[in-house]
């Protein structure tokens, strides 16, 4: 079976930003803990959202554009976080399935999403691009996306992906993983 990734452009980010403001109690990860994550760069941070049920409803509404509604209705959020970065920030290649189930999840994430809320105004070639690997007809295919504000990516959690180091400016994403219940 071939891998897949859906790329939706021009998603309205305002409902997401509004819902994020309601979760000010969320916490920022310490730099030492960040080393266990894919986020890298001296000027980057990651914020975990602990109660994001209203955010998950907005994510699921967007996913219905590309996935079957009956399937989406059975997805439950398992984690939600925002990544913020400035010049030099990037993500190592990773996937959202924890190695050896080290997050003590009873079920592994099945769907991962990325929404771009902010991107640097000036981008040089490949700077800050989202890259990913898909298995198509027994061959590993590489591709990348130059993200814009409102770009929404939906993919199986097993897909390997990352971002190239960004140049000047500010980038912020909102991410959510889902399990199939």
N, C-alpha and C. Protein backbone atom coordinates (compact mmCIF):
# COMPACT_ATOMS: atom_id res chain seq x y z
N UNK A 1 0.84 -1.18 0.00
CA UNK A 1 0.00 0.00 0.00
C UNK A 1 0.89 1.25 0.00
N UNK A 2 0.55 2.23 -0.79
CA UNK A 2 1.32 3.46 -0.89
C UNK A 2 0.99 4.42 0.25
N UNK A 3 1.99 5.20 0.63
CA UNK A 3 1.80 6.26 1.61
C UNK A 3 1.05 7.42 0.97
N UNK A 4 0.58 8.33 1.79
CA UNK A 4 -0.13 9.51 1.30
C UNK A 4 0.12 10.70 2.22
N UNK A 5 -0.12 11.87 1.69
CA UNK A 5 -0.06 13.12 2.43
C UNK A 5 -0.98 14.10 1.72
N UNK A 6 -1.86 14.75 2.48
CA UNK A 6 -2.75 15.77 1.91
C UNK A 6 -2.24 17.15 2.32
N UNK A 7 -2.29 18.04 1.35
CA UNK A 7 -1.79 19.41 1.52
C UNK A 7 -2.92 20.36 1.15
N UNK A 8 -3.51 21.01 2.15
CA UNK A 8 -4.63 21.92 1.94
C UNK A 8 -4.12 23.34 2.09
N UNK A 9 -4.41 24.18 1.14
CA UNK A 9 -3.93 25.57 1.16
C UNK A 9 -5.03 26.51 1.65
N UNK A 10 -4.61 27.64 2.17
CA UNK A 10 -5.50 28.76 2.53
C UNK A 10 -6.55 28.43 3.59
N UNK A 11 -6.18 27.65 4.58
CA UNK A 11 -7.09 27.39 5.70
C UNK A 11 -7.17 28.66 6.54
N UNK A 12 -8.36 29.01 6.99
CA UNK A 12 -8.54 30.17 7.85
C UNK A 12 -7.93 29.87 9.22
N UNK A 13 -6.89 30.60 9.60
CA UNK A 13 -6.19 30.32 10.86
C UNK A 13 -6.84 30.99 12.07
N UNK A 14 -7.75 31.93 11.86
CA UNK A 14 -8.35 32.67 12.98
C UNK A 14 -9.03 31.77 14.02
N UNK A 15 -9.85 30.78 13.63
CA UNK A 15 -10.45 29.93 14.66
C UNK A 15 -9.41 29.19 15.50
N UNK A 16 -8.30 28.79 14.88
CA UNK A 16 -7.24 28.11 15.61
C UNK A 16 -6.56 29.06 16.60
N UNK A 17 -6.27 30.27 16.14
CA UNK A 17 -5.62 31.26 17.01
C UNK A 17 -6.52 31.62 18.19
N UNK A 18 -7.82 31.75 17.94
CA UNK A 18 -8.77 32.05 19.00
C UNK A 18 -8.80 30.92 20.04
N UNK A 19 -8.86 29.68 19.57
CA UNK A 19 -8.89 28.54 20.48
C UNK A 19 -7.58 28.41 21.26
N UNK A 20 -6.45 28.74 20.64
CA UNK A 20 -5.16 28.67 21.33
C UNK A 20 -5.11 29.64 22.50
N UNK A 21 -5.70 30.82 22.34
CA UNK A 21 -5.70 31.81 23.41
C UNK A 21 -6.42 31.30 24.65
N UNK A 22 -7.39 30.42 24.46
CA UNK A 22 -8.14 29.87 25.58
C UNK A 22 -7.28 28.90 26.41
N UNK A 23 -6.15 28.48 25.87
CA UNK A 23 -5.31 27.48 26.53
C UNK A 23 -4.01 28.08 27.05
N UNK A 24 -4.10 29.25 27.66
CA UNK A 24 -2.91 29.91 28.19
C UNK A 24 -2.26 29.12 29.32
N UNK A 25 -2.96 28.18 29.90
CA UNK A 25 -2.39 27.37 30.99
C UNK A 25 -1.40 26.33 30.46
N UNK A 26 -1.32 26.18 29.17
CA UNK A 26 -0.41 25.21 28.59
C UNK A 26 1.02 25.55 28.96
N UNK A 27 1.90 24.59 28.81
CA UNK A 27 3.25 24.80 29.29
C UNK A 27 4.30 24.67 28.19
N UNK A 28 5.38 25.42 28.38
CA UNK A 28 6.48 25.41 27.42
C UNK A 28 7.49 24.36 27.86
N UNK A 29 7.99 23.59 26.92
CA UNK A 29 8.94 22.54 27.24
C UNK A 29 10.30 23.12 27.60
N UNK A 30 10.93 22.54 28.58
CA UNK A 30 12.27 22.94 28.98
C UNK A 30 13.26 22.57 27.88
N UNK A 31 14.34 23.35 27.77
CA UNK A 31 15.34 23.11 26.72
C UNK A 31 15.92 21.69 26.79
N UNK A 32 16.15 21.15 28.00
CA UNK A 32 16.70 19.79 28.11
C UNK A 32 15.74 18.76 27.54
N UNK A 33 14.44 18.92 27.82
CA UNK A 33 13.44 18.00 27.29
C UNK A 33 13.30 18.15 25.78
N UNK A 34 13.53 19.38 25.30
CA UNK A 34 13.42 19.63 23.86
C UNK A 34 14.40 18.76 23.08
N UNK A 35 15.51 18.36 23.67
CA UNK A 35 16.50 17.54 22.98
C UNK A 35 15.93 16.17 22.61
N UNK A 36 14.86 15.74 23.28
CA UNK A 36 14.22 14.47 22.93
C UNK A 36 13.23 14.66 21.78
N UNK A 37 12.96 15.88 21.38
CA UNK A 37 12.03 16.20 20.30
C UNK A 37 12.82 16.47 19.02
N UNK A 38 12.12 16.64 17.91
CA UNK A 38 12.77 16.91 16.64
C UNK A 38 13.11 18.38 16.45
N UNK A 39 12.51 19.26 17.26
CA UNK A 39 12.72 20.70 17.14
C UNK A 39 14.15 21.06 17.52
N UNK A 40 14.82 21.83 16.67
CA UNK A 40 16.20 22.22 16.92
C UNK A 40 16.37 23.71 16.63
N UNK A 41 17.44 24.26 17.20
CA UNK A 41 17.76 25.67 16.97
C UNK A 41 17.70 26.44 18.28
N UNK A 42 18.67 27.31 18.48
CA UNK A 42 18.75 28.09 19.71
C UNK A 42 17.53 28.98 19.92
N UNK A 43 16.90 29.40 18.83
CA UNK A 43 15.77 30.33 18.92
C UNK A 43 14.45 29.63 18.62
N UNK A 44 14.31 28.42 19.15
CA UNK A 44 13.06 27.69 18.92
C UNK A 44 12.49 27.23 20.25
N UNK A 45 11.18 27.03 20.27
CA UNK A 45 10.51 26.54 21.47
C UNK A 45 9.31 25.72 21.06
N UNK A 46 8.85 24.91 22.00
CA UNK A 46 7.69 24.07 21.76
C UNK A 46 6.77 24.19 22.96
N UNK A 47 5.49 24.40 22.68
CA UNK A 47 4.50 24.57 23.73
C UNK A 47 3.48 23.44 23.60
N UNK A 48 3.26 22.71 24.68
CA UNK A 48 2.29 21.62 24.70
C UNK A 48 0.94 22.17 25.16
N UNK A 49 -0.13 21.72 24.52
CA UNK A 49 -1.48 22.09 24.93
C UNK A 49 -2.11 20.86 25.58
N UNK A 50 -2.52 21.02 26.84
CA UNK A 50 -3.00 19.87 27.61
C UNK A 50 -4.50 19.63 27.47
N UNK A 51 -5.28 20.62 27.13
CA UNK A 51 -6.72 20.46 26.99
C UNK A 51 -7.14 21.15 25.70
N UNK A 52 -7.15 20.39 24.63
CA UNK A 52 -7.34 21.00 23.32
C UNK A 52 -8.54 20.43 22.59
N UNK A 53 -9.59 20.09 23.31
CA UNK A 53 -10.74 19.46 22.67
C UNK A 53 -11.40 20.39 21.65
N UNK A 54 -11.47 21.70 21.94
CA UNK A 54 -12.07 22.60 20.95
C UNK A 54 -11.15 22.77 19.74
N UNK A 55 -9.85 22.70 19.96
CA UNK A 55 -8.92 22.72 18.82
C UNK A 55 -9.10 21.47 17.96
N UNK A 56 -9.32 20.32 18.59
CA UNK A 56 -9.47 19.09 17.81
C UNK A 56 -10.70 19.14 16.92
N UNK A 57 -11.76 19.80 17.37
CA UNK A 57 -12.97 19.93 16.54
C UNK A 57 -12.67 20.73 15.28
N UNK A 58 -11.85 21.77 15.42
CA UNK A 58 -11.50 22.60 14.26
C UNK A 58 -10.60 21.81 13.31
N UNK A 59 -9.63 21.07 13.87
CA UNK A 59 -8.76 20.23 13.04
C UNK A 59 -9.59 19.20 12.29
N UNK A 60 -10.52 18.54 12.98
CA UNK A 60 -11.32 17.50 12.35
C UNK A 60 -12.20 18.06 11.24
N UNK A 61 -12.71 19.26 11.44
CA UNK A 61 -13.51 19.90 10.39
C UNK A 61 -12.67 20.06 9.11
N UNK A 62 -11.43 20.48 9.25
CA UNK A 62 -10.54 20.64 8.09
C UNK A 62 -10.21 19.29 7.47
N UNK A 63 -10.00 18.27 8.30
CA UNK A 63 -9.63 16.95 7.78
C UNK A 63 -10.76 16.35 6.95
N UNK A 64 -12.00 16.73 7.23
CA UNK A 64 -13.13 16.21 6.44
C UNK A 64 -13.07 16.63 4.98
N UNK A 65 -12.26 17.63 4.68
CA UNK A 65 -12.10 18.03 3.27
C UNK A 65 -11.35 16.97 2.46
N UNK A 66 -10.52 16.16 3.13
CA UNK A 66 -9.70 15.20 2.40
C UNK A 66 -9.87 13.75 2.86
N UNK A 67 -10.46 13.56 4.04
CA UNK A 67 -10.67 12.21 4.57
C UNK A 67 -12.16 11.95 4.75
N UNK A 68 -12.54 10.68 4.73
CA UNK A 68 -13.93 10.28 4.93
C UNK A 68 -14.44 10.75 6.29
N UNK A 69 -15.61 11.39 6.32
CA UNK A 69 -16.18 11.95 7.54
C UNK A 69 -16.40 10.88 8.61
N UNK A 70 -16.86 9.69 8.23
CA UNK A 70 -17.08 8.63 9.22
C UNK A 70 -15.76 8.24 9.90
N UNK A 71 -14.69 8.22 9.13
CA UNK A 71 -13.36 7.93 9.68
C UNK A 71 -12.92 9.06 10.61
N UNK A 72 -13.05 10.30 10.17
CA UNK A 72 -12.64 11.46 10.97
C UNK A 72 -13.42 11.52 12.28
N UNK A 73 -14.70 11.19 12.24
CA UNK A 73 -15.53 11.21 13.45
C UNK A 73 -15.00 10.27 14.53
N UNK A 74 -14.28 9.22 14.12
CA UNK A 74 -13.75 8.24 15.08
C UNK A 74 -12.33 8.57 15.54
N UNK A 75 -11.79 9.69 15.09
CA UNK A 75 -10.46 10.10 15.53
C UNK A 75 -10.56 10.88 16.83
N UNK A 76 -9.65 10.58 17.75
CA UNK A 76 -9.60 11.27 19.04
C UNK A 76 -8.22 11.90 19.20
N UNK A 77 -8.15 13.14 19.70
CA UNK A 77 -6.84 13.79 19.86
C UNK A 77 -6.02 13.10 20.94
N UNK A 78 -4.73 12.97 20.69
CA UNK A 78 -3.84 12.38 21.68
C UNK A 78 -2.77 13.37 22.12
N UNK A 79 -2.44 14.35 21.28
CA UNK A 79 -1.47 15.38 21.65
C UNK A 79 -1.65 16.60 20.76
N UNK A 80 -1.32 17.75 21.33
CA UNK A 80 -1.41 19.02 20.60
C UNK A 80 -0.28 19.92 21.09
N UNK A 81 0.40 20.58 20.14
CA UNK A 81 1.52 21.44 20.50
C UNK A 81 1.74 22.49 19.42
N UNK A 82 2.44 23.52 19.80
CA UNK A 82 2.82 24.58 18.87
C UNK A 82 4.34 24.68 18.89
N UNK A 83 4.92 24.85 17.72
CA UNK A 83 6.36 25.04 17.60
C UNK A 83 6.59 26.44 17.07
N UNK A 84 7.50 27.16 17.74
CA UNK A 84 7.84 28.52 17.33
C UNK A 84 9.34 28.59 17.07
N UNK A 85 9.71 29.26 16.02
CA UNK A 85 11.13 29.34 15.72
C UNK A 85 11.50 30.59 14.95
N UNK A 86 12.74 30.95 15.13
CA UNK A 86 13.33 32.08 14.41
C UNK A 86 14.51 31.56 13.60
N UNK A 87 15.31 32.44 13.08
CA UNK A 87 16.42 32.09 12.21
C UNK A 87 17.22 30.91 12.76
N UNK A 88 17.44 29.93 11.91
CA UNK A 88 18.22 28.75 12.27
C UNK A 88 17.39 27.60 12.84
N UNK A 89 16.12 27.81 13.11
CA UNK A 89 15.28 26.75 13.65
C UNK A 89 14.96 25.72 12.56
N UNK A 90 14.85 24.45 12.97
CA UNK A 90 14.52 23.39 12.02
C UNK A 90 14.02 22.17 12.78
N UNK A 91 13.63 21.14 12.03
CA UNK A 91 13.22 19.86 12.61
C UNK A 91 14.03 18.75 11.94
N UNK A 92 14.58 17.87 12.76
CA UNK A 92 15.24 16.70 12.21
C UNK A 92 14.17 15.78 11.62
N UNK A 93 14.59 14.88 10.75
CA UNK A 93 13.64 13.93 10.18
C UNK A 93 13.10 13.07 11.32
N UNK A 94 11.78 12.92 11.35
CA UNK A 94 11.13 12.17 12.42
C UNK A 94 9.76 11.71 11.96
N UNK A 95 9.13 10.92 12.78
CA UNK A 95 7.73 10.57 12.60
C UNK A 95 7.08 10.60 13.98
N UNK A 96 5.77 10.55 14.02
CA UNK A 96 5.07 10.76 15.28
C UNK A 96 4.67 9.46 15.98
N UNK A 97 5.26 8.37 15.58
CA UNK A 97 5.04 7.12 16.30
C UNK A 97 6.18 6.99 17.30
N UNK A 98 5.88 7.02 18.61
CA UNK A 98 6.95 6.96 19.61
C UNK A 98 7.72 5.64 19.51
N UNK A 99 9.06 5.70 19.55
CA UNK A 99 9.83 4.45 19.53
C UNK A 99 9.52 3.64 20.79
N UNK A 100 9.30 2.35 20.63
CA UNK A 100 9.02 1.45 21.76
C UNK A 100 7.88 1.94 22.64
N UNK A 101 6.96 2.69 22.07
CA UNK A 101 5.80 3.20 22.81
C UNK A 101 6.24 3.92 24.09
N UNK A 102 7.28 4.75 23.99
CA UNK A 102 7.85 5.40 25.17
C UNK A 102 6.97 6.50 25.77
N UNK A 103 5.84 6.78 25.17
CA UNK A 103 4.91 7.75 25.75
C UNK A 103 3.79 7.06 26.52
N UNK A 104 3.92 5.72 26.69
CA UNK A 104 2.93 4.93 27.42
C UNK A 104 1.52 5.09 26.87
N UNK A 105 1.42 5.18 25.57
CA UNK A 105 0.10 5.28 24.93
C UNK A 105 -0.47 3.88 24.78
N UNK A 106 -1.76 3.74 25.01
CA UNK A 106 -2.38 2.44 24.79
C UNK A 106 -2.58 2.20 23.30
N UNK A 107 -2.73 3.29 22.55
CA UNK A 107 -2.81 3.20 21.09
C UNK A 107 -1.83 4.21 20.51
N UNK A 108 -1.22 3.87 19.40
CA UNK A 108 -0.28 4.78 18.76
C UNK A 108 -1.03 5.79 17.90
N UNK A 109 -0.47 7.00 17.74
CA UNK A 109 -1.11 7.98 16.86
C UNK A 109 -1.25 7.41 15.45
N UNK A 110 -2.36 7.73 14.83
CA UNK A 110 -2.61 7.25 13.47
C UNK A 110 -2.52 8.39 12.45
N UNK A 111 -3.00 9.57 12.82
CA UNK A 111 -3.01 10.72 11.93
C UNK A 111 -2.26 11.87 12.60
N UNK A 112 -1.40 12.53 11.82
CA UNK A 112 -0.68 13.72 12.30
C UNK A 112 -1.03 14.89 11.39
N UNK A 113 -1.10 16.08 12.00
CA UNK A 113 -1.44 17.28 11.25
C UNK A 113 -0.48 18.41 11.59
N UNK A 114 -0.29 19.29 10.64
CA UNK A 114 0.54 20.49 10.83
C UNK A 114 -0.21 21.65 10.18
N UNK A 115 -0.40 22.73 10.92
CA UNK A 115 -1.00 23.95 10.39
C UNK A 115 -0.01 25.08 10.55
N UNK A 116 0.29 25.78 9.47
CA UNK A 116 1.21 26.91 9.51
C UNK A 116 0.44 28.19 9.86
N UNK A 117 0.78 28.77 11.02
CA UNK A 117 0.14 29.99 11.50
C UNK A 117 0.94 31.24 11.13
N UNK A 118 2.26 31.10 11.09
CA UNK A 118 3.16 32.20 10.72
C UNK A 118 4.33 31.62 9.93
N UNK A 119 4.77 32.33 8.93
CA UNK A 119 5.99 31.97 8.20
C UNK A 119 6.76 33.26 7.93
N UNK A 120 8.10 33.17 7.82
CA UNK A 120 8.87 34.38 7.51
C UNK A 120 8.42 34.99 6.20
N UNK A 121 8.43 36.31 6.15
CA UNK A 121 8.02 37.02 4.93
C UNK A 121 8.99 36.77 3.78
N UNK A 122 10.28 36.79 4.09
CA UNK A 122 11.31 36.55 3.08
C UNK A 122 11.86 35.14 3.26
N UNK A 123 11.77 34.34 2.24
CA UNK A 123 12.33 33.01 2.29
C UNK A 123 13.27 32.82 1.11
N UNK A 124 14.43 32.26 1.38
CA UNK A 124 15.32 31.88 0.30
C UNK A 124 14.98 30.45 -0.09
N UNK A 125 15.49 29.99 -1.21
CA UNK A 125 15.17 28.65 -1.72
C UNK A 125 15.40 27.59 -0.65
N UNK A 126 14.41 26.77 -0.41
CA UNK A 126 14.40 25.65 0.53
C UNK A 126 14.39 26.05 2.00
N UNK A 127 14.68 27.30 2.36
CA UNK A 127 14.74 27.69 3.77
C UNK A 127 13.37 27.50 4.42
N UNK A 128 13.33 26.71 5.49
CA UNK A 128 12.10 26.47 6.21
C UNK A 128 11.13 25.51 5.54
N UNK A 129 11.52 24.93 4.41
CA UNK A 129 10.62 24.01 3.71
C UNK A 129 10.32 22.77 4.55
N UNK A 130 9.10 22.29 4.44
CA UNK A 130 8.65 21.04 5.05
C UNK A 130 9.00 19.93 4.06
N UNK A 131 9.78 18.93 4.48
CA UNK A 131 10.13 17.83 3.57
C UNK A 131 9.59 16.52 4.13
N UNK A 132 9.36 15.56 3.24
CA UNK A 132 8.78 14.29 3.67
C UNK A 132 9.15 13.18 2.69
N UNK A 133 9.02 11.94 3.18
CA UNK A 133 9.33 10.76 2.38
C UNK A 133 8.07 9.89 2.32
N UNK A 134 7.70 9.49 1.10
CA UNK A 134 6.54 8.61 0.91
C UNK A 134 6.97 7.36 0.17
N UNK A 135 6.41 6.23 0.56
CA UNK A 135 6.65 4.98 -0.14
C UNK A 135 5.58 4.84 -1.22
N UNK A 136 6.02 4.88 -2.46
CA UNK A 136 5.11 4.76 -3.61
C UNK A 136 5.61 3.63 -4.51
N UNK A 137 4.77 2.62 -4.70
CA UNK A 137 5.10 1.49 -5.56
C UNK A 137 6.49 0.93 -5.26
N UNK A 138 6.74 0.63 -3.99
CA UNK A 138 7.99 0.04 -3.50
C UNK A 138 9.21 0.94 -3.65
N UNK A 139 8.98 2.21 -3.90
CA UNK A 139 10.10 3.15 -4.04
C UNK A 139 9.88 4.32 -3.08
N UNK A 140 10.96 4.72 -2.40
CA UNK A 140 10.89 5.84 -1.47
C UNK A 140 11.02 7.14 -2.26
N UNK A 141 10.02 8.01 -2.13
CA UNK A 141 9.99 9.28 -2.86
C UNK A 141 10.14 10.44 -1.89
N UNK A 142 10.99 11.39 -2.24
CA UNK A 142 11.22 12.59 -1.44
C UNK A 142 10.47 13.75 -2.07
N UNK A 143 9.88 14.62 -1.23
CA UNK A 143 9.24 15.82 -1.74
C UNK A 143 9.31 16.89 -0.66
N UNK A 144 9.02 18.13 -1.05
CA UNK A 144 9.02 19.21 -0.07
C UNK A 144 7.95 20.24 -0.43
N UNK A 145 7.58 21.03 0.58
CA UNK A 145 6.57 22.07 0.44
C UNK A 145 7.15 23.35 1.01
N UNK A 146 7.02 24.46 0.27
CA UNK A 146 7.39 25.77 0.81
C UNK A 146 6.13 26.34 1.46
N UNK A 147 6.04 26.26 2.79
CA UNK A 147 4.77 26.60 3.46
C UNK A 147 4.43 28.09 3.43
N UNK A 148 3.14 28.33 3.42
CA UNK A 148 2.56 29.68 3.53
C UNK A 148 1.59 29.66 4.71
N UNK A 149 1.24 30.81 5.23
CA UNK A 149 0.26 30.89 6.30
C UNK A 149 -1.04 30.25 5.82
N UNK A 150 -1.62 29.39 6.64
CA UNK A 150 -2.86 28.72 6.28
C UNK A 150 -2.67 27.38 5.61
N UNK A 151 -1.43 26.95 5.38
CA UNK A 151 -1.20 25.63 4.81
C UNK A 151 -1.42 24.57 5.89
N UNK A 152 -2.16 23.53 5.53
CA UNK A 152 -2.55 22.48 6.47
C UNK A 152 -2.16 21.14 5.88
N UNK A 153 -1.38 20.36 6.63
CA UNK A 153 -0.89 19.07 6.16
C UNK A 153 -1.51 17.98 7.02
N UNK A 154 -2.04 16.95 6.36
CA UNK A 154 -2.64 15.79 7.02
C UNK A 154 -1.92 14.56 6.48
N UNK A 155 -1.45 13.69 7.40
CA UNK A 155 -0.68 12.53 6.95
C UNK A 155 -0.76 11.42 8.00
N UNK A 156 -0.49 10.19 7.61
CA UNK A 156 -0.36 9.14 8.62
C UNK A 156 0.82 9.48 9.53
N UNK A 157 0.71 9.11 10.80
CA UNK A 157 1.76 9.43 11.76
C UNK A 157 3.08 8.75 11.46
N UNK A 158 3.06 7.70 10.65
CA UNK A 158 4.28 6.96 10.32
C UNK A 158 5.16 7.65 9.27
N UNK A 159 4.65 8.70 8.64
CA UNK A 159 5.40 9.38 7.56
C UNK A 159 6.59 10.13 8.14
N UNK A 160 7.78 9.85 7.62
CA UNK A 160 8.98 10.58 8.03
C UNK A 160 8.96 11.97 7.39
N UNK A 161 9.26 12.99 8.22
CA UNK A 161 9.22 14.37 7.74
C UNK A 161 10.11 15.25 8.61
N UNK A 162 10.33 16.48 8.19
CA UNK A 162 11.13 17.45 8.94
C UNK A 162 11.06 18.80 8.24
N UNK A 163 11.85 19.75 8.71
CA UNK A 163 11.94 21.05 8.04
C UNK A 163 13.41 21.45 7.93
N UNK A 164 13.70 22.15 6.85
CA UNK A 164 15.04 22.71 6.68
C UNK A 164 15.18 23.93 7.58
N UNK A 165 16.42 24.28 7.96
CA UNK A 165 16.61 25.50 8.76
C UNK A 165 16.02 26.71 8.05
N UNK A 166 15.34 27.53 8.82
CA UNK A 166 14.75 28.74 8.23
C UNK A 166 15.72 29.90 8.32
N UNK A 167 15.50 30.86 7.44
CA UNK A 167 16.31 32.08 7.51
C UNK A 167 15.62 33.05 8.46
N UNK A 168 15.84 34.32 8.29
CA UNK A 168 15.27 35.32 9.19
C UNK A 168 13.76 35.20 9.31
N UNK A 169 13.21 35.81 10.36
CA UNK A 169 11.75 35.82 10.52
C UNK A 169 11.26 34.83 11.54
N UNK A 170 9.95 34.75 11.67
CA UNK A 170 9.27 33.94 12.68
C UNK A 170 8.39 32.90 12.01
N UNK A 171 8.48 31.67 12.50
CA UNK A 171 7.62 30.60 12.00
C UNK A 171 6.91 29.97 13.20
N UNK A 172 5.62 29.70 13.04
CA UNK A 172 4.86 29.04 14.10
C UNK A 172 3.89 28.06 13.47
N UNK A 173 3.86 26.86 14.03
CA UNK A 173 2.92 25.84 13.58
C UNK A 173 2.08 25.39 14.77
N UNK A 174 0.93 24.86 14.45
CA UNK A 174 0.08 24.19 15.44
C UNK A 174 -0.08 22.77 14.94
N UNK A 175 0.19 21.81 15.81
CA UNK A 175 0.23 20.40 15.42
C UNK A 175 -0.69 19.59 16.31
N UNK A 176 -1.30 18.56 15.74
CA UNK A 176 -2.13 17.68 16.55
C UNK A 176 -2.05 16.27 15.99
N UNK A 177 -1.92 15.30 16.89
CA UNK A 177 -1.95 13.89 16.53
C UNK A 177 -3.25 13.28 17.02
N UNK A 178 -3.73 12.29 16.26
CA UNK A 178 -5.00 11.64 16.57
C UNK A 178 -4.83 10.13 16.58
N UNK A 179 -5.59 9.47 17.45
CA UNK A 179 -5.70 8.01 17.41
C UNK A 179 -7.04 7.67 16.82
N UNK A 180 -7.16 6.48 16.27
CA UNK A 180 -8.43 5.99 15.74
C UNK A 180 -9.10 5.19 16.83
N UNK A 181 -10.27 5.62 17.26
CA UNK A 181 -10.96 4.96 18.36
C UNK A 181 -12.04 4.04 17.83
